[in-house]
């Protein structure tokens, strides 16, 4: 199963293409697409550059991002990461 994701032009938020052809920030609203319909929906979404930029297909598994890029999509979904895993030197 796949869906179309992009970034909203006005604020950069991650958005998903819905069954009705609109956009939502909620992954649960995203259209679940089979291989036959995914490319056509992506093409239509890519034409809406006044709303969304960088549209592409992602894999969905169990209602969450899947496939090889599941970690990247998980980060996009939950927002930017902050902090550092490196210990700070003390003076």
N, C-alpha and C. Protein backbone atom coordinates (compact mmCIF):
# COMPACT_ATOMS: atom_id res chain seq x y z
N UNK A 1 0.84 -1.16 0.00
CA UNK A 1 0.00 0.00 0.00
C UNK A 1 0.89 1.24 0.00
N UNK A 2 0.47 2.27 -0.73
CA UNK A 2 1.24 3.50 -0.83
C UNK A 2 0.34 4.70 -0.57
N UNK A 3 0.97 5.85 -0.35
CA UNK A 3 0.26 7.12 -0.29
C UNK A 3 1.18 8.20 -0.82
N UNK A 4 0.60 9.37 -1.09
CA UNK A 4 1.37 10.50 -1.59
C UNK A 4 1.60 11.47 -0.44
N UNK A 5 2.84 11.89 -0.28
CA UNK A 5 3.19 12.90 0.72
C UNK A 5 3.91 14.04 0.04
N UNK A 6 3.89 15.19 0.70
CA UNK A 6 4.57 16.38 0.19
C UNK A 6 4.75 17.33 1.37
N UNK A 7 5.23 18.52 1.09
CA UNK A 7 5.30 19.58 2.10
C UNK A 7 4.38 20.71 1.66
N UNK A 8 3.63 21.24 2.63
CA UNK A 8 2.72 22.34 2.33
C UNK A 8 3.53 23.59 2.02
N UNK A 9 3.19 24.26 0.96
CA UNK A 9 3.94 25.41 0.48
C UNK A 9 3.96 26.55 1.49
N UNK A 10 2.87 26.79 2.19
CA UNK A 10 2.78 27.95 3.07
C UNK A 10 3.62 27.85 4.34
N UNK A 11 3.81 26.64 4.88
CA UNK A 11 4.53 26.52 6.14
C UNK A 11 5.48 25.33 6.23
N UNK A 12 5.58 24.54 5.17
CA UNK A 12 6.50 23.42 5.14
C UNK A 12 6.03 22.16 5.85
N UNK A 13 4.83 22.19 6.42
CA UNK A 13 4.31 21.02 7.13
C UNK A 13 4.18 19.83 6.20
N UNK A 14 4.35 18.63 6.74
CA UNK A 14 4.17 17.40 6.00
C UNK A 14 2.67 17.21 5.78
N UNK A 15 2.28 16.92 4.54
CA UNK A 15 0.88 16.69 4.21
C UNK A 15 0.74 15.42 3.38
N UNK A 16 -0.47 14.88 3.40
CA UNK A 16 -0.78 13.63 2.71
C UNK A 16 -2.01 13.82 1.84
N UNK A 17 -1.99 13.18 0.69
CA UNK A 17 -3.11 13.26 -0.25
C UNK A 17 -4.25 12.38 0.26
N UNK A 18 -5.47 12.93 0.27
CA UNK A 18 -6.63 12.20 0.76
C UNK A 18 -7.39 11.56 -0.40
N UNK A 19 -8.35 10.72 -0.08
CA UNK A 19 -9.17 10.05 -1.09
C UNK A 19 -9.93 11.08 -1.91
N UNK A 20 -10.35 12.18 -1.28
CA UNK A 20 -11.14 13.20 -1.99
C UNK A 20 -10.28 14.10 -2.87
N UNK A 21 -8.94 13.94 -2.82
CA UNK A 21 -8.07 14.76 -3.64
C UNK A 21 -7.60 16.02 -2.94
N UNK A 22 -7.91 16.15 -1.67
CA UNK A 22 -7.41 17.30 -0.90
C UNK A 22 -6.15 16.88 -0.15
N UNK A 23 -5.68 17.70 0.75
CA UNK A 23 -4.48 17.42 1.52
C UNK A 23 -4.80 17.46 3.01
N UNK A 24 -4.09 16.65 3.80
CA UNK A 24 -4.28 16.62 5.24
C UNK A 24 -2.93 16.47 5.92
N UNK A 25 -2.80 17.04 7.12
CA UNK A 25 -1.59 16.84 7.90
C UNK A 25 -1.65 15.56 8.71
N UNK A 26 -2.77 14.88 8.68
CA UNK A 26 -2.99 13.66 9.45
C UNK A 26 -2.81 12.44 8.56
N UNK A 27 -1.83 11.60 8.90
CA UNK A 27 -1.56 10.40 8.10
C UNK A 27 -2.77 9.48 8.03
N UNK A 28 -3.60 9.47 9.06
CA UNK A 28 -4.77 8.58 9.04
C UNK A 28 -5.79 9.00 7.98
N UNK A 29 -5.71 10.23 7.48
CA UNK A 29 -6.59 10.71 6.41
C UNK A 29 -6.06 10.38 5.01
N UNK A 30 -4.83 9.91 4.94
CA UNK A 30 -4.18 9.68 3.64
C UNK A 30 -4.86 8.57 2.86
N UNK A 31 -4.95 8.77 1.55
CA UNK A 31 -5.50 7.75 0.66
C UNK A 31 -4.55 6.56 0.64
N UNK A 32 -5.10 5.36 0.74
CA UNK A 32 -4.32 4.13 0.62
C UNK A 32 -4.42 3.68 -0.83
N UNK A 33 -3.28 3.66 -1.51
CA UNK A 33 -3.27 3.44 -2.95
C UNK A 33 -2.58 2.13 -3.30
N UNK A 34 -3.17 1.42 -4.27
CA UNK A 34 -2.48 0.24 -4.78
C UNK A 34 -1.58 0.68 -5.93
N UNK A 35 -0.78 -0.21 -6.44
CA UNK A 35 0.20 0.12 -7.47
C UNK A 35 -0.43 0.69 -8.73
N UNK A 36 -1.65 0.23 -9.07
CA UNK A 36 -2.31 0.69 -10.29
C UNK A 36 -2.72 2.16 -10.22
N UNK A 37 -3.07 2.66 -9.05
CA UNK A 37 -3.57 4.03 -8.95
C UNK A 37 -2.53 5.01 -8.40
N UNK A 38 -1.47 4.53 -7.80
CA UNK A 38 -0.50 5.39 -7.13
C UNK A 38 0.14 6.42 -8.07
N UNK A 39 0.58 6.01 -9.24
CA UNK A 39 1.24 6.95 -10.16
C UNK A 39 0.30 8.04 -10.64
N UNK A 40 -0.95 7.70 -10.91
CA UNK A 40 -1.91 8.71 -11.37
C UNK A 40 -2.20 9.73 -10.28
N UNK A 41 -2.34 9.28 -9.04
CA UNK A 41 -2.59 10.20 -7.93
C UNK A 41 -1.36 11.08 -7.69
N UNK A 42 -0.17 10.50 -7.79
CA UNK A 42 1.05 11.29 -7.65
C UNK A 42 1.14 12.36 -8.73
N UNK A 43 0.81 12.01 -9.95
CA UNK A 43 0.86 12.98 -11.04
C UNK A 43 -0.08 14.15 -10.79
N UNK A 44 -1.30 13.86 -10.36
CA UNK A 44 -2.27 14.92 -10.06
C UNK A 44 -1.78 15.79 -8.90
N UNK A 45 -1.23 15.16 -7.87
CA UNK A 45 -0.74 15.90 -6.71
C UNK A 45 0.45 16.78 -7.08
N UNK A 46 1.30 16.30 -7.96
CA UNK A 46 2.49 17.05 -8.37
C UNK A 46 2.13 18.31 -9.14
N UNK A 47 0.94 18.35 -9.72
CA UNK A 47 0.50 19.53 -10.45
C UNK A 47 0.01 20.65 -9.54
N UNK A 48 -0.15 20.38 -8.25
CA UNK A 48 -0.68 21.37 -7.31
C UNK A 48 0.45 22.11 -6.59
N UNK A 49 1.35 22.70 -7.36
CA UNK A 49 2.51 23.37 -6.78
C UNK A 49 2.14 24.65 -6.03
N UNK A 50 0.92 25.11 -6.16
CA UNK A 50 0.46 26.26 -5.38
C UNK A 50 0.04 25.85 -3.97
N UNK A 51 -0.03 24.53 -3.71
CA UNK A 51 -0.41 24.00 -2.40
C UNK A 51 0.73 23.19 -1.79
N UNK A 52 1.30 22.29 -2.59
CA UNK A 52 2.27 21.32 -2.08
C UNK A 52 3.51 21.27 -2.97
N UNK A 53 4.65 21.05 -2.34
CA UNK A 53 5.90 20.92 -3.09
C UNK A 53 6.57 19.59 -2.75
N UNK A 54 7.26 19.04 -3.72
CA UNK A 54 8.03 17.83 -3.50
C UNK A 54 7.21 16.58 -3.28
N UNK A 55 6.09 16.44 -3.98
CA UNK A 55 5.23 15.26 -3.79
C UNK A 55 5.94 14.00 -4.24
N UNK A 56 5.78 12.93 -3.45
CA UNK A 56 6.32 11.63 -3.81
C UNK A 56 5.54 10.53 -3.09
N UNK A 57 5.74 9.31 -3.54
CA UNK A 57 5.05 8.15 -2.96
C UNK A 57 5.86 7.57 -1.80
N UNK A 58 5.13 7.12 -0.77
CA UNK A 58 5.77 6.38 0.32
C UNK A 58 5.00 5.09 0.55
N UNK A 59 5.70 4.11 1.08
CA UNK A 59 5.09 2.84 1.45
C UNK A 59 4.38 3.00 2.80
N UNK A 60 3.26 2.31 2.95
CA UNK A 60 2.56 2.24 4.23
C UNK A 60 2.48 0.79 4.66
N UNK A 61 2.77 0.57 5.93
CA UNK A 61 2.64 -0.77 6.52
C UNK A 61 1.98 -0.59 7.88
N UNK A 62 0.87 -1.27 8.10
CA UNK A 62 0.16 -1.19 9.38
C UNK A 62 -0.14 0.25 9.79
N UNK A 63 -0.63 1.05 8.85
CA UNK A 63 -1.06 2.42 9.10
C UNK A 63 0.07 3.37 9.52
N UNK A 64 1.31 3.03 9.19
CA UNK A 64 2.43 3.92 9.46
C UNK A 64 3.44 3.77 8.32
N UNK A 65 4.37 4.72 8.21
CA UNK A 65 5.36 4.62 7.13
C UNK A 65 6.12 3.31 7.18
N UNK A 66 6.36 2.74 6.01
CA UNK A 66 7.09 1.48 5.92
C UNK A 66 8.11 1.53 4.82
N UNK A 67 8.51 0.39 4.35
CA UNK A 67 9.49 0.32 3.27
C UNK A 67 10.88 0.68 3.75
N UNK A 68 11.77 0.91 2.83
CA UNK A 68 13.17 1.18 3.16
C UNK A 68 13.37 2.53 3.85
N UNK A 69 12.48 3.46 3.61
CA UNK A 69 12.67 4.80 4.17
C UNK A 69 11.74 5.06 5.35
N UNK A 70 11.35 4.03 6.10
CA UNK A 70 10.40 4.19 7.19
C UNK A 70 10.91 5.15 8.27
N UNK A 71 12.21 5.13 8.55
CA UNK A 71 12.74 6.01 9.59
C UNK A 71 12.64 7.47 9.17
N UNK A 72 13.01 7.76 7.94
CA UNK A 72 12.92 9.14 7.44
C UNK A 72 11.49 9.64 7.50
N UNK A 73 10.56 8.83 7.04
CA UNK A 73 9.16 9.24 7.04
C UNK A 73 8.62 9.37 8.46
N UNK A 74 9.08 8.55 9.37
CA UNK A 74 8.68 8.68 10.76
C UNK A 74 9.13 10.00 11.36
N UNK A 75 10.34 10.43 11.02
CA UNK A 75 10.85 11.72 11.48
C UNK A 75 10.05 12.85 10.86
N UNK A 76 9.76 12.76 9.57
CA UNK A 76 8.95 13.80 8.92
C UNK A 76 7.58 13.90 9.58
N UNK A 77 7.00 12.76 9.92
CA UNK A 77 5.67 12.71 10.51
C UNK A 77 5.64 13.32 11.91
N UNK A 78 6.65 13.05 12.71
CA UNK A 78 6.63 13.51 14.10
C UNK A 78 7.34 14.84 14.32
N UNK A 79 7.95 15.38 13.31
CA UNK A 79 8.59 16.69 13.44
C UNK A 79 10.09 16.57 13.54
N UNK A 80 10.76 17.72 13.53
CA UNK A 80 12.22 17.71 13.53
C UNK A 80 12.78 17.15 14.82
N UNK A 81 13.94 16.55 14.69
CA UNK A 81 14.63 16.07 15.88
C UNK A 81 15.49 17.19 16.43
N UNK A 82 15.69 17.20 17.71
CA UNK A 82 16.52 18.23 18.32
C UNK A 82 17.50 17.58 19.28
N UNK A 83 18.48 18.33 19.65
CA UNK A 83 19.46 17.81 20.59
C UNK A 83 20.61 17.15 19.88
N UNK A 84 21.46 16.54 20.66
CA UNK A 84 22.65 15.91 20.12
C UNK A 84 22.95 14.65 20.90
N UNK A 85 23.49 13.68 20.23
CA UNK A 85 23.90 12.45 20.91
C UNK A 85 25.33 12.54 21.39
N UNK A 86 26.00 13.65 21.07
CA UNK A 86 27.38 13.84 21.47
C UNK A 86 27.43 14.48 22.86
N UNK A 87 28.30 13.96 23.72
CA UNK A 87 28.45 14.53 25.04
C UNK A 87 29.13 15.89 24.93
N UNK A 88 28.67 16.82 25.75
CA UNK A 88 29.28 18.14 25.74
C UNK A 88 30.50 18.13 26.65
N UNK A 89 31.53 18.81 26.18
CA UNK A 89 32.76 18.91 26.99
C UNK A 89 32.50 19.85 28.15
N UNK A 90 33.02 19.52 29.29
CA UNK A 90 32.88 20.38 30.46
C UNK A 90 34.15 21.21 30.62
N UNK A 91 34.01 22.39 31.15
CA UNK A 91 35.17 23.29 31.29
C UNK A 91 35.88 23.09 32.60
